[in-house]
């Protein structure tokens, strides 16, 4: 509590007086008293034109079912002077359209409901019947006038004849106290009415129960801003609860870490080639499912070209070689986010420094990872629990051996010969595949923004759609092939193709000839078999054996 360096547990006189800013609960009340409330409305017993209590109340009905109350002695001179123009909305208003209102009063002269005798207040829902002009509470009309008759005049009315004069729950629909400026030209009046009708229709389409589409990373919890605005005077009031959002990258890490089958583990890993100036490259496999944040940091820095022409600044034969600092001093290099990030050596199934060629993060202590990394020359178990292992060498052992043989400057760890990383080529990136699937899913739901915010920034969905089209095409091609790999209707196609190829040249003419000969032989065999069957069926056989 307090202001600046003041840590007192109470508000001082200077703070309460406003010399050091407003710190008291009464400051908001003072500001409200100094300026009119932006949502101030005309009292229910006053004329909307003169802002004085009316003596001869009349109502100007609006198209949305509401009405504005005027005093007859004020509205008639206004209409004559301003060419029959509504003083609030600016729409045309003829004096014959005004409805005379009949208010009921009690013995004290207070306006009340003629059925329940409840006194009207600023919190009352007041309505009028257009056919009779009698004024009631909305609850009285709903409860006692279900038959559609005015309880005072005993006159039938319809639902459309009910005019809302004051609705505390529909604050925006009540006419404001400030009259709208009258247009000097008659051409501008239809434009204003058209825009108002468009706004009314849009609001009707939207509806009170319409909800905005929830983002894909919406959590089942709220942000707590609504409760904070209720208990704090420093936060603007909030009347709607907003949901808290999960971090998009954390959701991606959780998805990458899920390996349902062992054969799918290779799809969760990244494969890169680190091109060096030592006459070869180092092929690396990144354990994205075991250290997702560390691997994502390495891959994004590689995509940004941070490792291009980056030196290995520290070399200790028999131990490790360290690089990843663009400055080459060992004291520079930032992460992809620009701030140090957490370690991941304590995750379930985290890799250890168990062999030569392990790729691990260099740091200055707990949670200080940046862009620097090192590759071990032997097993280093004393580094377990201190550095995050996120990959290993799977190719280029001779290049790593050549790096280890490079001499050093004096008794320092600096290589005497520059060892550079010319570029890092990415062959497989599970994070990019995840972003591609996410962009495709958001596009199907219509939630993908044009500029591609968040993880989907810069991701194109065209390639995925093209791949889907090719897959569907292959699926259609496989539909006409049976289990034995034979295309359905092949005999008809081959016979027609053979007849066409016989007239041409090339290998087809020999194939067609052989097929024709085989077909003729098959037909001859079939005809011979038919003749044999016919001979056996003729006559009654031979009776010599009898």
Protein backbone atom coordinates (compact mmCIF):
# COMPACT_ATOMS: atom_id res chain seq x y z
CA UNK A 1 0.00 0.00 0.00
CA UNK A 2 1.18 3.54 -0.42
CA UNK A 3 2.77 5.45 -3.26
CA UNK A 4 6.33 5.13 -4.61
CA UNK A 5 8.83 4.19 -1.91
CA UNK A 6 6.18 4.49 0.83
CA UNK A 7 5.35 1.05 2.27
CA UNK A 8 2.99 2.19 5.02
CA UNK A 9 -0.11 0.12 5.65
CA UNK A 10 -2.41 3.15 5.54
CA UNK A 11 -3.15 6.04 3.17
CA UNK A 12 -1.30 9.21 4.08
CA UNK A 13 -2.81 12.69 3.98
CA UNK A 14 -0.97 13.57 0.76
CA UNK A 15 -2.29 10.47 -0.97
CA UNK A 16 -5.83 11.04 0.25
CA UNK A 17 -5.82 14.67 -0.88
CA UNK A 18 -4.68 13.70 -4.38
CA UNK A 19 -1.22 15.25 -4.32
CA UNK A 20 0.33 11.88 -5.21
CA UNK A 21 -2.60 10.48 -7.16
CA UNK A 22 -6.07 9.31 -6.23
CA UNK A 23 -5.84 6.48 -3.69
CA UNK A 24 -9.13 6.76 -1.80
CA UNK A 25 -12.46 5.06 -2.44
CA UNK A 26 -14.21 8.47 -2.49
CA UNK A 27 -12.31 9.71 -5.55
CA UNK A 28 -14.61 7.89 -7.94
CA UNK A 29 -17.70 9.36 -6.26
CA UNK A 30 -16.24 12.87 -6.59
CA UNK A 31 -15.61 12.38 -10.31
CA UNK A 32 -19.18 11.18 -10.86
CA UNK A 33 -20.52 14.22 -9.02
CA UNK A 34 -18.47 16.61 -11.15
CA UNK A 35 -19.66 15.35 -14.54
CA UNK A 36 -23.01 13.95 -15.71
CA UNK A 37 -23.27 10.20 -16.12
CA UNK A 38 -22.86 9.20 -19.79
CA UNK A 39 -25.92 7.00 -19.55
CA UNK A 40 -28.30 9.51 -17.92
CA UNK A 41 -31.93 9.21 -19.03
CA UNK A 42 -35.06 11.34 -18.83
CA UNK A 43 -37.14 10.69 -15.68
CA UNK A 44 -40.36 8.79 -16.31
CA UNK A 45 -42.54 11.77 -15.23
CA UNK A 46 -40.78 14.43 -17.32
CA UNK A 47 -41.00 15.66 -20.89
CA UNK A 48 -38.09 14.48 -23.05
CA UNK A 49 -37.98 17.88 -24.76
CA UNK A 50 -38.17 20.35 -21.87
CA UNK A 51 -36.86 17.96 -19.18
CA UNK A 52 -39.61 19.29 -16.89
CA UNK A 53 -42.56 17.43 -15.31
CA UNK A 54 -45.33 17.09 -17.88
CA UNK A 55 -48.94 18.23 -17.50
CA UNK A 56 -50.40 16.90 -20.77
CA UNK A 57 -48.37 13.77 -21.58
CA UNK A 58 -48.34 12.36 -25.09
CA UNK A 59 -46.26 9.55 -26.59
CA UNK A 60 -44.35 9.34 -29.86
CA UNK A 61 -44.20 5.68 -30.87
CA UNK A 62 -41.00 4.24 -32.35
CA UNK A 63 -40.63 1.36 -34.80
CA UNK A 64 -38.89 -0.88 -32.23
CA UNK A 65 -41.87 -0.86 -29.83
CA UNK A 66 -40.61 1.89 -27.52
CA UNK A 67 -42.05 5.33 -27.00
CA UNK A 68 -40.85 8.79 -26.02
CA UNK A 69 -42.98 10.87 -23.65
CA UNK A 70 -43.46 14.59 -24.42
CA UNK A 71 -45.62 17.35 -23.08
CA UNK A 72 -48.24 18.38 -25.63
CA UNK A 73 -47.54 22.06 -24.96
CA UNK A 74 -43.87 21.56 -25.91
CA UNK A 75 -43.94 19.06 -28.77
CA UNK A 76 -46.51 20.86 -30.96
CA UNK A 77 -44.50 24.13 -31.26
CA UNK A 78 -41.37 22.06 -31.93
CA UNK A 79 -43.01 20.16 -34.79
CA UNK A 80 -44.30 23.33 -36.38
CA UNK A 81 -40.89 24.98 -36.19
CA UNK A 82 -38.83 22.01 -37.40
CA UNK A 83 -41.05 20.65 -40.16
CA UNK A 84 -42.51 17.67 -38.27
CA UNK A 85 -39.17 16.18 -37.18
CA UNK A 86 -38.76 13.97 -34.13
CA UNK A 87 -36.57 15.90 -31.63
CA UNK A 88 -34.75 12.78 -30.40
CA UNK A 89 -34.34 10.39 -33.34
CA UNK A 90 -34.64 12.88 -36.21
CA UNK A 91 -37.30 10.77 -37.99
CA UNK A 92 -40.47 12.29 -39.48
CA UNK A 93 -43.21 12.76 -36.85
CA UNK A 94 -46.72 13.97 -37.64
CA UNK A 95 -48.83 15.51 -34.84
CA UNK A 96 -51.59 13.00 -35.65
CA UNK A 97 -49.24 10.17 -34.65
CA UNK A 98 -49.00 11.38 -31.04
CA UNK A 99 -50.84 9.18 -28.51
CA UNK A 100 -52.44 10.74 -25.45
CA UNK A 101 -51.33 9.04 -22.23
CA UNK A 102 -53.60 8.50 -19.22
CA UNK A 103 -51.60 8.22 -16.00
CA UNK A 104 -53.18 7.09 -12.73
CA UNK A 105 -52.32 9.00 -9.52
CA UNK A 106 -52.83 8.18 -5.85
CA UNK A 107 -54.01 10.51 -3.10
CA UNK A 108 -50.51 12.02 -2.79
CA UNK A 109 -50.35 12.86 -6.49
CA UNK A 110 -47.79 10.14 -7.27
CA UNK A 111 -48.02 8.20 -10.51
CA UNK A 112 -48.97 4.58 -9.92
CA UNK A 113 -50.29 1.46 -11.59
CA UNK A 114 -54.14 1.47 -11.78
CA UNK A 115 -54.32 -2.30 -11.16
CA UNK A 116 -51.82 -3.03 -8.39
CA UNK A 117 -51.52 0.60 -7.16
CA UNK A 118 -47.74 0.27 -7.09
CA UNK A 119 -45.94 3.60 -7.33
CA UNK A 120 -43.81 4.21 -10.43
CA UNK A 121 -40.07 4.65 -9.88
CA UNK A 122 -36.90 4.78 -11.95
CA UNK A 123 -36.65 0.99 -11.57
CA UNK A 124 -40.18 0.27 -12.85
CA UNK A 125 -40.92 -1.31 -16.21
CA UNK A 126 -43.62 1.05 -17.52
CA UNK A 127 -45.71 0.35 -20.63
CA UNK A 128 -48.69 1.99 -22.34
CA UNK A 129 -51.53 0.59 -24.46
CA UNK A 130 -51.63 2.30 -27.85
CA UNK A 131 -55.39 1.83 -28.35
CA UNK A 132 -56.43 3.43 -25.05
CA UNK A 133 -53.38 5.37 -23.86
CA UNK A 134 -53.58 3.90 -20.37
CA UNK A 135 -50.24 3.42 -18.58
CA UNK A 136 -49.50 0.25 -16.55
CA UNK A 137 -46.65 -1.71 -15.10
CA UNK A 138 -45.43 -4.43 -17.44
CA UNK A 139 -46.02 -7.10 -14.83
CA UNK A 140 -49.67 -6.05 -14.48
CA UNK A 141 -50.25 -6.33 -18.21
CA UNK A 142 -48.57 -9.71 -18.30
CA UNK A 143 -50.42 -11.11 -15.27
CA UNK A 144 -53.92 -9.63 -15.42
CA UNK A 145 -54.37 -8.85 -19.12
CA UNK A 146 -53.76 -12.34 -20.50
CA UNK A 147 -57.17 -12.21 -22.20
CA UNK A 148 -56.07 -9.19 -24.27
CA UNK A 149 -58.36 -6.61 -22.66
CA UNK A 150 -57.48 -3.31 -21.07
CA UNK A 151 -58.51 -3.65 -17.42
CA UNK A 152 -59.36 0.05 -17.15
CA UNK A 153 -61.22 0.72 -20.41
CA UNK A 154 -62.21 -2.90 -21.18
CA UNK A 155 -60.94 -2.51 -24.76
CA UNK A 156 -59.24 -5.27 -26.71
CA UNK A 157 -55.59 -4.83 -27.66
CA UNK A 158 -52.87 -6.88 -29.31
CA UNK A 159 -49.32 -7.55 -28.35
CA UNK A 160 -48.10 -5.01 -30.91
CA UNK A 161 -50.16 -2.30 -29.17
CA UNK A 162 -47.92 -2.40 -26.07
CA UNK A 163 -45.47 0.53 -26.01
CA UNK A 164 -42.48 0.45 -23.65
CA UNK A 165 -42.01 3.84 -21.96
CA UNK A 166 -39.30 2.78 -19.48
CA UNK A 167 -37.40 -0.49 -19.22
CA UNK A 168 -34.63 -0.62 -16.60
CA UNK A 169 -33.32 -3.87 -18.12
CA UNK A 170 -33.13 -2.41 -21.63
CA UNK A 171 -31.10 0.66 -20.69
CA UNK A 172 -29.83 1.35 -24.20
CA UNK A 173 -33.32 1.42 -25.70
CA UNK A 174 -34.58 4.26 -23.45
CA UNK A 175 -34.35 7.69 -25.14
CA UNK A 176 -31.50 9.87 -23.92
CA UNK A 177 -32.01 13.27 -22.41
CA UNK A 178 -29.94 15.10 -25.05
CA UNK A 179 -31.99 15.83 -28.18
CA UNK A 180 -30.46 14.80 -31.49
CA UNK A 181 -29.46 17.64 -33.84
CA UNK A 182 -31.98 18.30 -36.59
CA UNK A 183 -30.63 17.85 -40.10
CA UNK A 184 -30.61 20.99 -42.20
CA UNK A 185 -31.31 19.07 -45.41
CA UNK A 186 -34.10 16.60 -46.02
CA UNK A 187 -31.73 14.31 -47.92
CA UNK A 188 -29.92 13.26 -44.78
CA UNK A 189 -33.04 12.06 -42.97
CA UNK A 190 -33.54 8.79 -44.91
CA UNK A 191 -29.86 7.97 -44.43
CA UNK A 192 -30.15 8.23 -40.64
CA UNK A 193 -33.30 6.12 -40.58
CA UNK A 194 -31.73 3.52 -42.87
CA UNK A 195 -28.65 3.20 -40.66
CA UNK A 196 -30.83 2.88 -37.56
CA UNK A 197 -32.92 0.17 -39.21
CA UNK A 198 -29.76 -1.66 -40.23
CA UNK A 199 -28.45 -1.53 -36.67
CA UNK A 200 -31.79 -2.79 -35.33
CA UNK A 201 -31.86 -5.69 -37.80
CA UNK A 202 -28.25 -6.61 -37.01
CA UNK A 203 -29.01 -6.62 -33.30
CA UNK A 204 -32.09 -8.76 -33.93
CA UNK A 205 -30.05 -11.28 -35.92
CA UNK A 206 -27.38 -11.42 -33.28
CA UNK A 207 -29.85 -12.04 -30.46
CA UNK A 208 -29.28 -11.85 -26.72
CA UNK A 209 -28.15 -15.47 -26.48
CA UNK A 210 -25.57 -15.32 -29.29
CA UNK A 211 -22.10 -16.25 -28.10
CA UNK A 212 -18.76 -15.63 -29.75
CA UNK A 213 -16.79 -18.63 -30.93
CA UNK A 214 -14.38 -19.83 -28.28
CA UNK A 215 -10.70 -20.06 -29.30
CA UNK A 216 -9.19 -23.53 -29.52
CA UNK A 217 -6.94 -22.87 -26.50
CA UNK A 218 -9.78 -21.77 -24.18
CA UNK A 219 -9.53 -23.24 -20.69
CA UNK A 220 -12.44 -24.25 -18.42
CA UNK A 221 -11.38 -21.51 -15.98
CA UNK A 222 -12.04 -17.77 -15.93
CA UNK A 223 -9.39 -15.09 -15.90
CA UNK A 224 -10.66 -13.68 -12.59
CA UNK A 225 -10.97 -10.16 -13.97
CA UNK A 226 -14.69 -9.99 -13.13
CA UNK A 227 -14.09 -10.73 -9.45
CA UNK A 228 -11.12 -8.39 -9.36
CA UNK A 229 -13.17 -5.55 -10.80
CA UNK A 230 -15.83 -6.16 -8.13
CA UNK A 231 -13.41 -5.90 -5.21
CA UNK A 232 -10.93 -3.34 -6.55
CA UNK A 233 -11.50 0.32 -7.33
CA UNK A 234 -8.44 0.45 -9.60
CA UNK A 235 -9.89 -1.94 -12.23
CA UNK A 236 -12.62 -0.99 -14.66
CA UNK A 237 -15.92 -2.78 -13.93
CA UNK A 238 -16.56 -5.95 -15.93
CA UNK A 239 -20.01 -7.52 -16.20
CA UNK A 240 -19.10 -10.54 -18.35
CA UNK A 241 -16.86 -13.43 -17.43
CA UNK A 242 -13.95 -14.01 -19.80
CA UNK A 243 -12.24 -17.37 -20.04
CA UNK A 244 -8.55 -17.87 -19.38
CA UNK A 245 -6.49 -19.10 -22.34
CA UNK A 246 -3.93 -21.86 -22.31
CA UNK A 247 -0.51 -21.00 -23.72
CA UNK A 248 -0.39 -22.12 -27.36
CA UNK A 249 3.20 -23.31 -27.17
CA UNK A 250 2.55 -25.33 -24.00
CA UNK A 251 -0.33 -27.10 -25.75
CA UNK A 252 2.04 -27.89 -28.62
CA UNK A 253 4.66 -29.28 -26.21
CA UNK A 254 2.05 -31.51 -24.57
CA UNK A 255 0.99 -32.87 -27.96
CA UNK A 256 4.58 -33.55 -29.05
CA UNK A 257 5.35 -35.41 -25.80
CA UNK A 258 2.51 -37.92 -26.37
CA UNK A 259 3.89 -41.09 -27.98
CA UNK A 260 1.15 -43.73 -28.18
CA UNK A 261 3.20 -46.39 -30.00
CA UNK A 262 6.92 -46.97 -30.12
CA UNK A 263 6.90 -47.01 -33.93
CA UNK A 264 5.55 -43.43 -33.88
CA UNK A 265 8.50 -42.13 -31.85
CA UNK A 266 10.49 -41.29 -35.00
CA UNK A 267 7.69 -38.94 -36.11
CA UNK A 268 8.05 -36.98 -32.87
CA UNK A 269 11.75 -36.32 -33.42
CA UNK A 270 13.55 -33.77 -35.56
CA UNK A 271 16.52 -34.48 -37.84
CA UNK A 272 18.96 -31.75 -38.82
CA UNK A 273 22.33 -31.52 -40.59
CA UNK A 274 24.88 -29.09 -39.20
CA UNK A 275 27.24 -28.14 -42.05
CA UNK A 276 30.75 -27.23 -40.79
CA UNK A 277 33.97 -25.95 -42.36
CA UNK A 278 35.76 -29.16 -41.35
CA UNK A 279 35.02 -30.93 -44.62
CA UNK A 280 31.78 -32.55 -43.53
CA UNK A 281 28.58 -32.27 -41.55
CA UNK A 282 27.20 -33.38 -38.20
CA UNK A 283 23.89 -35.21 -38.50
CA UNK A 284 21.82 -34.74 -35.34
CA UNK A 285 18.67 -36.33 -34.02
CA UNK A 286 16.65 -34.11 -31.64
CA UNK A 287 14.56 -35.66 -28.85
CA UNK A 288 11.51 -33.42 -29.25
CA UNK A 289 9.27 -35.74 -27.21
CA UNK A 290 11.68 -35.64 -24.23
CA UNK A 291 12.78 -31.98 -24.28
CA UNK A 292 10.16 -30.14 -26.40
CA UNK A 293 10.88 -26.56 -25.36
CA UNK A 294 14.63 -26.94 -25.79
CA UNK A 295 14.26 -28.56 -29.22
CA UNK A 296 11.76 -25.91 -30.31
CA UNK A 297 14.21 -23.19 -29.27
CA UNK A 298 17.04 -24.82 -31.29
CA UNK A 299 14.89 -25.33 -34.41
CA UNK A 300 13.45 -21.81 -34.40
CA UNK A 301 16.89 -20.26 -33.98
CA UNK A 302 18.09 -22.40 -36.88
CA UNK A 303 15.17 -21.27 -39.03
CA UNK A 304 16.02 -17.64 -38.24
CA UNK A 305 19.63 -18.22 -39.31
CA UNK A 306 21.08 -17.48 -35.86
CA UNK A 307 23.49 -20.42 -36.15
CA UNK A 308 24.74 -19.55 -39.66
CA UNK A 309 28.51 -18.82 -39.59
CA UNK A 310 28.44 -19.30 -35.82
CA UNK A 311 31.75 -20.55 -34.31
CA UNK A 312 32.53 -23.27 -31.79
CA UNK A 313 34.28 -21.00 -29.30
CA UNK A 314 35.25 -23.57 -26.65
CA UNK A 315 37.06 -26.89 -27.18
CA UNK A 316 38.18 -29.35 -24.51
CA UNK A 317 39.47 -32.64 -26.03
CA UNK A 318 38.16 -35.67 -24.22
CA UNK A 319 35.27 -33.64 -22.78
CA UNK A 320 33.18 -31.50 -25.17
CA UNK A 321 33.01 -28.76 -27.83
CA UNK A 322 30.72 -25.78 -27.22
CA UNK A 323 29.09 -23.35 -29.67
CA UNK A 324 25.90 -21.46 -30.46
CA UNK A 325 27.12 -17.98 -29.45
CA UNK A 326 26.90 -15.60 -32.44
CA UNK A 327 29.41 -13.26 -30.78
CA UNK A 328 32.00 -16.04 -30.39
CA UNK A 329 32.89 -14.92 -26.88
CA UNK A 330 30.88 -17.44 -24.86
CA UNK A 331 28.99 -14.67 -23.08
CA UNK A 332 26.30 -13.93 -25.70
CA UNK A 333 23.41 -15.65 -27.40
CA UNK A 334 19.71 -15.31 -26.59
CA UNK A 335 16.91 -17.81 -26.78
CA UNK A 336 14.15 -17.71 -29.39
CA UNK A 337 11.96 -15.76 -26.93
CA UNK A 338 14.72 -13.31 -25.97
CA UNK A 339 14.73 -14.44 -22.32
CA UNK A 340 16.24 -17.48 -20.56
CA UNK A 341 13.95 -20.50 -20.37
CA UNK A 342 13.52 -23.47 -18.05
CA UNK A 343 15.50 -26.70 -17.86
CA UNK A 344 13.95 -30.01 -18.91
CA UNK A 345 16.35 -32.55 -17.43
CA UNK A 346 13.77 -33.34 -14.73
CA UNK A 347 11.03 -34.44 -17.13
CA UNK A 348 9.90 -38.04 -17.32
CA UNK A 349 12.18 -40.09 -19.58
CA UNK A 350 14.78 -37.31 -19.96
CA UNK A 351 18.00 -38.37 -21.67
CA UNK A 352 21.37 -38.50 -19.85
CA UNK A 353 24.95 -37.84 -20.87
CA UNK A 354 25.57 -41.55 -21.43
CA UNK A 355 27.81 -41.65 -24.52
CA UNK A 356 29.88 -39.73 -27.00
CA UNK A 357 28.06 -37.31 -29.28
CA UNK A 358 25.28 -36.23 -26.89
CA UNK A 359 23.84 -32.78 -27.69
CA UNK A 360 23.12 -30.73 -24.54
CA UNK A 361 22.35 -27.15 -23.52
CA UNK A 362 24.97 -24.87 -21.93
CA UNK A 363 23.84 -22.62 -19.09
CA UNK A 364 25.03 -20.48 -16.19
CA UNK A 365 22.84 -22.14 -13.59
CA UNK A 366 19.25 -23.13 -12.98
CA UNK A 367 16.87 -21.92 -15.71
CA UNK A 368 19.40 -19.85 -17.68
CA UNK A 369 19.27 -21.59 -21.08
CA UNK A 370 19.82 -19.43 -24.14
CA UNK A 371 21.24 -20.39 -27.53
CA UNK A 372 24.55 -22.08 -26.59
CA UNK A 373 24.93 -25.86 -26.71
CA UNK A 374 27.74 -28.44 -26.57
CA UNK A 375 28.52 -31.90 -27.95
CA UNK A 376 30.26 -34.39 -25.69
CA UNK A 377 33.37 -36.42 -26.64
CA UNK A 378 32.65 -39.07 -23.99
CA UNK A 379 30.08 -40.03 -21.37
CA UNK A 380 29.75 -37.26 -18.77
CA UNK A 381 27.40 -38.49 -16.01
CA UNK A 382 28.45 -35.66 -13.69
CA UNK A 383 26.47 -33.27 -15.95
CA UNK A 384 23.19 -35.14 -15.43
CA UNK A 385 20.67 -33.02 -13.57
CA UNK A 386 22.52 -29.83 -14.53
CA UNK A 387 22.20 -29.61 -18.32
CA UNK A 388 19.32 -30.61 -20.61
CA UNK A 389 20.16 -33.29 -23.20
CA UNK A 390 18.02 -32.71 -26.29
CA UNK A 391 19.76 -34.70 -29.06
CA UNK A 392 22.60 -36.89 -30.16
CA UNK A 393 24.96 -37.43 -33.10
CA UNK A 394 23.71 -40.02 -35.62
CA UNK A 395 26.12 -39.29 -38.46
CA UNK A 396 29.44 -37.52 -39.07
CA UNK A 397 31.60 -39.22 -36.43
CA UNK A 398 34.70 -38.50 -38.48
CA UNK A 399 33.86 -34.76 -38.47
CA UNK A 400 33.45 -34.81 -34.68
CA UNK A 401 36.81 -36.60 -34.39
CA UNK A 402 38.43 -33.96 -36.62
CA UNK A 403 37.01 -31.20 -34.41
CA UNK A 404 38.45 -32.89 -31.33
CA UNK A 405 41.91 -32.96 -32.93
CA UNK A 406 41.99 -29.19 -33.58
CA UNK A 407 44.78 -27.57 -31.47
CA UNK A 408 44.06 -24.84 -28.94
CA UNK A 409 45.62 -21.44 -28.29
CA UNK A 410 48.12 -21.89 -25.48
CA UNK A 411 46.50 -23.04 -22.26
CA UNK A 412 43.07 -21.67 -23.15
CA UNK A 413 40.02 -23.52 -24.43
CA UNK A 414 39.82 -21.41 -27.62
CA UNK A 415 40.49 -23.37 -30.84
CA UNK A 416 43.58 -22.21 -32.72
CA UNK A 417 41.73 -22.82 -35.99
CA UNK A 418 38.21 -21.40 -36.50
CA UNK A 419 35.52 -24.09 -36.36
CA UNK A 420 32.37 -22.66 -37.96
CA UNK A 421 28.79 -23.80 -38.40
CA UNK A 422 28.09 -22.72 -41.96
CA UNK A 423 24.38 -23.57 -41.83
CA UNK A 424 21.82 -25.84 -40.20
CA UNK A 425 19.57 -27.77 -42.59
CA UNK A 426 16.27 -29.07 -41.12
CA UNK A 427 14.96 -32.30 -42.66
CA UNK A 428 12.12 -33.13 -40.26
CA UNK A 429 10.38 -30.83 -37.79
CA UNK A 430 7.41 -32.19 -35.78
CA UNK A 431 6.61 -28.69 -34.52
CA UNK A 432 6.10 -27.45 -38.08
CA UNK A 433 3.85 -30.43 -38.79
CA UNK A 434 1.80 -29.58 -35.69
CA UNK A 435 1.43 -25.97 -36.83
CA UNK A 436 0.34 -27.14 -40.27
CA UNK A 437 -2.38 -29.38 -38.81
CA UNK A 438 -3.47 -26.63 -36.43
CA UNK A 439 -3.78 -24.08 -39.25
CA UNK A 440 -5.81 -26.54 -41.30
CA UNK A 441 -8.13 -27.25 -38.35
CA UNK A 442 -8.62 -23.55 -37.59
CA UNK A 443 -9.31 -22.83 -41.24
CA UNK A 444 -12.00 -25.52 -41.29
CA UNK A 445 -13.64 -23.88 -38.25
CA UNK A 446 -13.26 -20.38 -39.69
CA UNK A 447 -11.01 -19.25 -36.81
CA UNK A 448 -7.81 -18.75 -38.83
CA UNK A 449 -7.06 -15.03 -39.05
CA UNK A 450 -5.85 -13.47 -42.27
CA UNK A 451 -2.54 -12.36 -40.81
CA UNK A 452 -2.02 -15.71 -39.06
CA UNK A 453 -1.60 -14.82 -35.40
CA UNK A 454 0.05 -17.01 -32.78
CA UNK A 455 1.61 -20.31 -33.76
CA UNK A 456 0.00 -20.26 -37.22
CA UNK A 457 1.77 -17.04 -38.27
CA UNK A 458 3.33 -17.58 -41.68
CA UNK A 459 1.90 -21.10 -42.06
CA UNK A 460 0.28 -21.85 -45.43
CA UNK A 461 -2.53 -24.37 -45.68
CA UNK A 462 -2.25 -24.78 -49.47
CA UNK A 463 0.33 -27.54 -49.28
CA UNK A 464 -1.75 -29.55 -46.86
CA UNK A 465 -4.85 -29.18 -49.02
CA UNK A 466 -2.84 -30.27 -52.07
CA UNK A 467 -1.61 -33.30 -50.17
CA UNK A 468 -5.16 -34.11 -49.15
CA UNK A 469 -6.27 -33.90 -52.79
CA UNK A 470 -3.47 -36.25 -53.88
CA UNK A 471 -4.35 -38.69 -51.10
CA UNK A 472 -8.00 -38.67 -52.11
CA UNK A 473 -6.96 -39.24 -55.72
CA UNK A 474 -4.85 -42.23 -54.71
CA UNK A 475 -7.77 -43.52 -52.66
CA UNK A 476 -10.06 -43.31 -55.70
CA UNK A 477 -7.49 -45.11 -57.82
CA UNK A 478 -7.31 -47.95 -55.28
CA UNK A 479 -11.09 -48.35 -55.21
CA UNK A 480 -11.14 -50.25 -58.54
CA UNK A 481 -8.40 -52.75 -57.56
CA UNK A 482 -9.31 -56.07 -55.90
CA UNK A 483 -7.42 -57.89 -53.13
CA UNK A 484 -5.10 -59.62 -55.61
CA UNK A 485 -3.92 -56.34 -57.17
CA UNK A 486 -5.89 -56.90 -60.38
CA UNK A 487 -7.77 -53.93 -61.73
CA UNK A 488 -11.45 -54.54 -62.17
CA UNK A 489 -12.52 -54.79 -65.83
CA UNK A 490 -8.93 -55.50 -66.92
CA UNK A 491 -9.86 -58.14 -69.47
CA UNK A 492 -12.12 -55.78 -71.36
CA UNK A 493 -9.55 -53.00 -71.23
CA UNK A 494 -6.70 -55.27 -72.30
CA UNK A 495 -8.66 -56.70 -75.21
CA UNK A 496 -9.59 -53.29 -76.44
CA UNK A 497 -6.06 -52.02 -75.85
CA UNK A 498 -4.61 -55.05 -77.63
CA UNK A 499 -6.71 -54.52 -80.70
CA UNK A 500 -5.67 -50.91 -80.79
CA UNK A 501 -2.00 -51.71 -80.26
CA UNK A 502 -1.87 -54.34 -82.98
CA UNK A 503 -2.09 -51.67 -85.62
CA UNK A 504 0.75 -49.71 -84.05
CA UNK A 505 4.47 -50.37 -83.60
CA UNK A 506 6.70 -51.19 -80.63
CA UNK A 507 6.55 -53.84 -77.95
CA UNK A 508 2.77 -53.71 -77.85
CA UNK A 509 2.40 -55.48 -81.20
CA UNK A 510 4.16 -58.60 -79.87
CA UNK A 511 2.12 -58.56 -76.69
CA UNK A 512 -1.10 -58.15 -78.62
CA UNK A 513 -0.18 -60.97 -80.98
CA UNK A 514 0.60 -63.31 -78.10
CA UNK A 515 -2.59 -62.34 -76.34
CA UNK A 516 -4.58 -62.94 -79.54
CA UNK A 517 -2.96 -66.36 -80.06
CA UNK A 518 -3.58 -67.32 -76.44
CA UNK A 519 -7.16 -66.14 -76.74
CA UNK A 520 -7.68 -68.17 -79.93
CA UNK A 521 -6.20 -71.28 -78.30
CA UNK A 522 -8.39 -70.84 -75.25
CA UNK A 523 -11.47 -70.45 -77.45
CA UNK A 524 -10.52 -73.61 -79.38
CA UNK A 525 -10.09 -75.59 -76.17
CA UNK A 526 -13.42 -74.40 -74.93
CA UNK A 527 -15.11 -75.36 -78.18
CA UNK A 528 -13.48 -78.81 -78.06
CA UNK A 529 -14.71 -79.31 -74.53
CA UNK A 530 -18.20 -78.33 -75.59
CA UNK A 531 -18.09 -80.88 -78.46
CA UNK A 532 -17.00 -83.59 -76.07
CA UNK A 533 -19.84 -82.80 -73.75
CA UNK A 534 -22.27 -82.89 -76.64
CA UNK A 535 -20.97 -86.33 -77.80
CA UNK A 536 -21.39 -87.83 -74.36
CA UNK A 537 -24.95 -86.63 -74.17
CA UNK A 538 -26.00 -88.09 -77.58
CA UNK A 539 -27.78 -91.51 -77.67
CA UNK A 540 -28.27 -94.12 -74.96
CA UNK A 541 -24.72 -95.37 -74.84
CA UNK A 542 -23.18 -98.81 -75.73
CA UNK A 543 -24.95 -102.06 -74.54
CA UNK A 544 -22.13 -104.53 -75.43
CA UNK A 545 -21.36 -105.20 -71.79
CA UNK A 546 -24.86 -106.45 -71.20
